[in-house]
Amino acid sequence: MEVGRICVKTLGREAGKRCVIVDVIDKSFVLITGPQALTGVKRRRANVKHLEITEQTVEIPRRATDDQVTKALGKKAKT
């Protein structure tokens, strides 16, 4: 688990949607965002057991805003 890691939600109403880890709270929980305008995933605390980790990452600072995440994902898509 690291900041900038792209994941897929496996449980809940947002199951199947991609999100990005923006902060690690503790060993069981992380702060994620879609951002909502892009993927439909709201910024929220998520249990790591409810996430499928991918190998993809984006370069973002810890606690990045949704705008910063959107820009980083846009740069990732161009490469």
N, C-alpha and C. Protein backbone atom coordinates (compact mmCIF):
# COMPACT_ATOMS: atom_id res chain seq x y z
N MET A 1 0.83 -1.18 0.00
CA MET A 1 0.00 0.00 0.00
C MET A 1 0.88 1.24 0.00
N GLU A 2 0.65 2.09 -0.97
CA GLU A 2 1.42 3.32 -1.07
C GLU A 2 0.57 4.40 -1.72
N VAL A 3 0.90 5.63 -1.45
CA VAL A 3 0.20 6.77 -2.05
C VAL A 3 0.45 6.76 -3.55
N GLY A 4 -0.62 6.92 -4.32
CA GLY A 4 -0.52 6.94 -5.77
C GLY A 4 -0.85 5.61 -6.43
N ARG A 5 -1.04 4.56 -5.66
CA ARG A 5 -1.35 3.25 -6.21
C ARG A 5 -2.78 3.22 -6.72
N ILE A 6 -3.00 2.72 -7.91
CA ILE A 6 -4.34 2.61 -8.49
C ILE A 6 -4.92 1.26 -8.07
N CYS A 7 -6.18 1.28 -7.63
CA CYS A 7 -6.87 0.09 -7.12
C CYS A 7 -8.24 -0.04 -7.77
N VAL A 8 -8.86 -1.19 -7.55
CA VAL A 8 -10.24 -1.42 -7.97
C VAL A 8 -11.03 -1.80 -6.73
N LYS A 9 -12.15 -1.13 -6.49
CA LYS A 9 -13.01 -1.46 -5.36
C LYS A 9 -13.68 -2.81 -5.64
N THR A 10 -13.68 -3.69 -4.65
CA THR A 10 -14.28 -5.02 -4.84
C THR A 10 -15.61 -5.19 -4.13
N LEU A 11 -15.88 -4.35 -3.14
CA LEU A 11 -17.13 -4.45 -2.40
C LEU A 11 -17.79 -3.08 -2.27
N GLY A 12 -19.09 -3.08 -2.00
CA GLY A 12 -19.81 -1.83 -1.79
C GLY A 12 -20.47 -1.33 -3.06
N ARG A 13 -21.08 -0.19 -2.95
CA ARG A 13 -21.83 0.36 -4.09
C ARG A 13 -20.92 0.79 -5.24
N GLU A 14 -19.62 0.99 -4.94
CA GLU A 14 -18.67 1.41 -5.97
C GLU A 14 -17.84 0.23 -6.49
N ALA A 15 -18.29 -0.99 -6.25
CA ALA A 15 -17.55 -2.18 -6.66
C ALA A 15 -17.30 -2.16 -8.17
N GLY A 16 -16.07 -2.50 -8.55
CA GLY A 16 -15.69 -2.55 -9.96
C GLY A 16 -15.12 -1.25 -10.48
N LYS A 17 -15.17 -0.20 -9.69
CA LYS A 17 -14.67 1.10 -10.13
C LYS A 17 -13.23 1.31 -9.66
N ARG A 18 -12.47 2.05 -10.47
CA ARG A 18 -11.07 2.33 -10.14
C ARG A 18 -10.97 3.53 -9.20
N CYS A 19 -9.93 3.50 -8.38
CA CYS A 19 -9.67 4.59 -7.45
C CYS A 19 -8.17 4.70 -7.22
N VAL A 20 -7.75 5.77 -6.55
CA VAL A 20 -6.34 6.02 -6.26
C VAL A 20 -6.18 6.22 -4.76
N ILE A 21 -5.14 5.61 -4.19
CA ILE A 21 -4.84 5.80 -2.77
C ILE A 21 -4.17 7.15 -2.59
N VAL A 22 -4.74 8.03 -1.75
CA VAL A 22 -4.15 9.34 -1.50
C VAL A 22 -3.51 9.47 -0.13
N ASP A 23 -3.79 8.51 0.77
CA ASP A 23 -3.14 8.51 2.07
C ASP A 23 -3.30 7.15 2.72
N VAL A 24 -2.31 6.74 3.50
CA VAL A 24 -2.39 5.50 4.26
C VAL A 24 -2.70 5.88 5.72
N ILE A 25 -3.84 5.43 6.22
CA ILE A 25 -4.28 5.77 7.57
C ILE A 25 -3.61 4.85 8.59
N ASP A 26 -3.74 3.55 8.39
CA ASP A 26 -3.06 2.55 9.21
C ASP A 26 -2.95 1.26 8.40
N LYS A 27 -2.63 0.14 9.03
CA LYS A 27 -2.42 -1.08 8.26
C LYS A 27 -3.70 -1.65 7.66
N SER A 28 -4.85 -1.21 8.12
CA SER A 28 -6.13 -1.74 7.63
C SER A 28 -6.93 -0.76 6.78
N PHE A 29 -6.62 0.53 6.83
CA PHE A 29 -7.43 1.52 6.14
C PHE A 29 -6.57 2.50 5.35
N VAL A 30 -7.11 2.93 4.21
CA VAL A 30 -6.47 3.94 3.37
C VAL A 30 -7.52 4.97 2.97
N LEU A 31 -7.07 6.15 2.57
CA LEU A 31 -7.95 7.18 2.05
C LEU A 31 -7.87 7.09 0.53
N ILE A 32 -9.03 6.95 -0.13
CA ILE A 32 -9.06 6.81 -1.58
C ILE A 32 -9.91 7.90 -2.21
N THR A 33 -9.71 8.09 -3.51
CA THR A 33 -10.57 8.96 -4.30
C THR A 33 -10.56 8.44 -5.72
N GLY A 34 -11.60 8.77 -6.47
CA GLY A 34 -11.72 8.33 -7.86
C GLY A 34 -10.93 9.17 -8.82
N PRO A 35 -11.05 10.44 -8.86
CA PRO A 35 -12.01 11.32 -8.20
C PRO A 35 -13.45 11.10 -8.72
N GLN A 36 -14.41 11.59 -7.96
CA GLN A 36 -15.81 11.32 -8.26
C GLN A 36 -16.21 11.79 -9.65
N ALA A 37 -15.72 12.94 -10.09
CA ALA A 37 -16.09 13.45 -11.41
C ALA A 37 -15.56 12.54 -12.53
N LEU A 38 -14.50 11.82 -12.25
CA LEU A 38 -13.87 10.98 -13.28
C LEU A 38 -14.35 9.54 -13.24
N THR A 39 -14.39 8.92 -12.06
CA THR A 39 -14.75 7.50 -11.96
C THR A 39 -16.01 7.24 -11.15
N GLY A 40 -16.48 8.23 -10.41
CA GLY A 40 -17.66 8.04 -9.58
C GLY A 40 -17.36 7.58 -8.17
N VAL A 41 -16.07 7.49 -7.79
CA VAL A 41 -15.69 7.07 -6.44
C VAL A 41 -15.42 8.32 -5.61
N LYS A 42 -16.19 8.49 -4.54
CA LYS A 42 -16.01 9.64 -3.64
C LYS A 42 -14.76 9.45 -2.80
N ARG A 43 -14.19 10.56 -2.33
CA ARG A 43 -13.06 10.50 -1.39
C ARG A 43 -13.59 9.95 -0.07
N ARG A 44 -12.99 8.84 0.36
CA ARG A 44 -13.45 8.19 1.58
C ARG A 44 -12.40 7.25 2.13
N ARG A 45 -12.60 6.86 3.37
CA ARG A 45 -11.75 5.85 4.00
C ARG A 45 -12.22 4.48 3.49
N ALA A 46 -11.27 3.61 3.17
CA ALA A 46 -11.63 2.28 2.67
C ALA A 46 -10.78 1.22 3.35
N ASN A 47 -11.39 0.10 3.62
CA ASN A 47 -10.68 -1.05 4.17
C ASN A 47 -9.83 -1.65 3.05
N VAL A 48 -8.58 -1.99 3.33
CA VAL A 48 -7.70 -2.53 2.29
C VAL A 48 -8.18 -3.89 1.81
N LYS A 49 -8.99 -4.59 2.62
CA LYS A 49 -9.54 -5.88 2.20
C LYS A 49 -10.60 -5.71 1.11
N HIS A 50 -11.10 -4.49 0.92
CA HIS A 50 -12.13 -4.23 -0.08
C HIS A 50 -11.54 -3.64 -1.36
N LEU A 51 -10.22 -3.69 -1.48
CA LEU A 51 -9.55 -3.14 -2.65
C LEU A 51 -8.72 -4.21 -3.35
N GLU A 52 -8.72 -4.18 -4.66
CA GLU A 52 -7.83 -5.03 -5.45
C GLU A 52 -6.72 -4.11 -5.96
N ILE A 53 -5.50 -4.36 -5.53
CA ILE A 53 -4.37 -3.52 -5.87
C ILE A 53 -3.89 -3.86 -7.28
N THR A 54 -3.61 -2.82 -8.09
CA THR A 54 -3.03 -3.04 -9.41
C THR A 54 -1.56 -2.67 -9.38
N GLU A 55 -0.87 -2.93 -10.46
CA GLU A 55 0.55 -2.58 -10.55
C GLU A 55 0.76 -1.13 -10.97
N GLN A 56 -0.29 -0.44 -11.36
CA GLN A 56 -0.18 0.93 -11.85
C GLN A 56 -0.10 1.93 -10.71
N THR A 57 0.70 2.97 -10.92
CA THR A 57 0.81 4.06 -9.95
C THR A 57 0.79 5.39 -10.68
N VAL A 58 0.49 6.44 -9.95
CA VAL A 58 0.61 7.81 -10.44
C VAL A 58 1.41 8.60 -9.43
N GLU A 59 2.09 9.62 -9.89
CA GLU A 59 2.90 10.47 -9.02
C GLU A 59 2.03 11.57 -8.42
N ILE A 60 1.68 11.41 -7.14
CA ILE A 60 0.90 12.42 -6.43
C ILE A 60 1.47 12.58 -5.03
N PRO A 61 1.32 13.77 -4.44
CA PRO A 61 1.75 13.94 -3.05
C PRO A 61 0.72 13.33 -2.10
N ARG A 62 1.12 13.11 -0.87
CA ARG A 62 0.21 12.60 0.16
C ARG A 62 -0.91 13.62 0.38
N ARG A 63 -2.14 13.14 0.53
CA ARG A 63 -3.33 13.98 0.71
C ARG A 63 -3.60 14.87 -0.50
N ALA A 64 -3.29 14.41 -1.69
CA ALA A 64 -3.50 15.19 -2.92
C ALA A 64 -4.98 15.51 -3.10
N THR A 65 -5.24 16.67 -3.69
CA THR A 65 -6.63 17.06 -3.98
C THR A 65 -7.13 16.28 -5.19
N ASP A 66 -8.44 16.33 -5.40
CA ASP A 66 -9.01 15.65 -6.56
C ASP A 66 -8.47 16.24 -7.86
N ASP A 67 -8.24 17.55 -7.90
CA ASP A 67 -7.66 18.17 -9.10
C ASP A 67 -6.26 17.66 -9.38
N GLN A 68 -5.44 17.50 -8.34
CA GLN A 68 -4.09 16.97 -8.52
C GLN A 68 -4.13 15.53 -9.02
N VAL A 69 -5.04 14.74 -8.51
CA VAL A 69 -5.17 13.35 -8.94
C VAL A 69 -5.63 13.29 -10.39
N THR A 70 -6.58 14.13 -10.77
CA THR A 70 -7.07 14.17 -12.15
C THR A 70 -5.94 14.52 -13.11
N LYS A 71 -5.13 15.52 -12.76
CA LYS A 71 -3.99 15.90 -13.61
C LYS A 71 -2.98 14.77 -13.72
N ALA A 72 -2.69 14.09 -12.61
CA ALA A 72 -1.74 12.98 -12.64
C ALA A 72 -2.25 11.83 -13.49
N LEU A 73 -3.55 11.55 -13.41
CA LEU A 73 -4.13 10.49 -14.24
C LEU A 73 -4.12 10.87 -15.72
N GLY A 74 -4.31 12.18 -16.00
CA GLY A 74 -4.24 12.65 -17.38
C GLY A 74 -2.84 12.49 -17.96
N LYS A 75 -1.82 12.77 -17.14
CA LYS A 75 -0.44 12.57 -17.59
C LYS A 75 -0.15 11.10 -17.81
N LYS A 76 -0.68 10.23 -16.95
CA LYS A 76 -0.48 8.79 -17.06
C LYS A 76 -1.12 8.27 -18.34
N ALA A 77 -2.28 8.81 -18.71
CA ALA A 77 -2.97 8.36 -19.92
C ALA A 77 -2.22 8.74 -21.19
N LYS A 78 -1.51 9.86 -21.14
CA LYS A 78 -0.76 10.33 -22.32
C LYS A 78 0.49 9.51 -22.58
N THR A 79 1.03 8.87 -21.53
CA THR A 79 2.24 8.09 -21.72
C THR A 79 1.99 6.65 -22.04
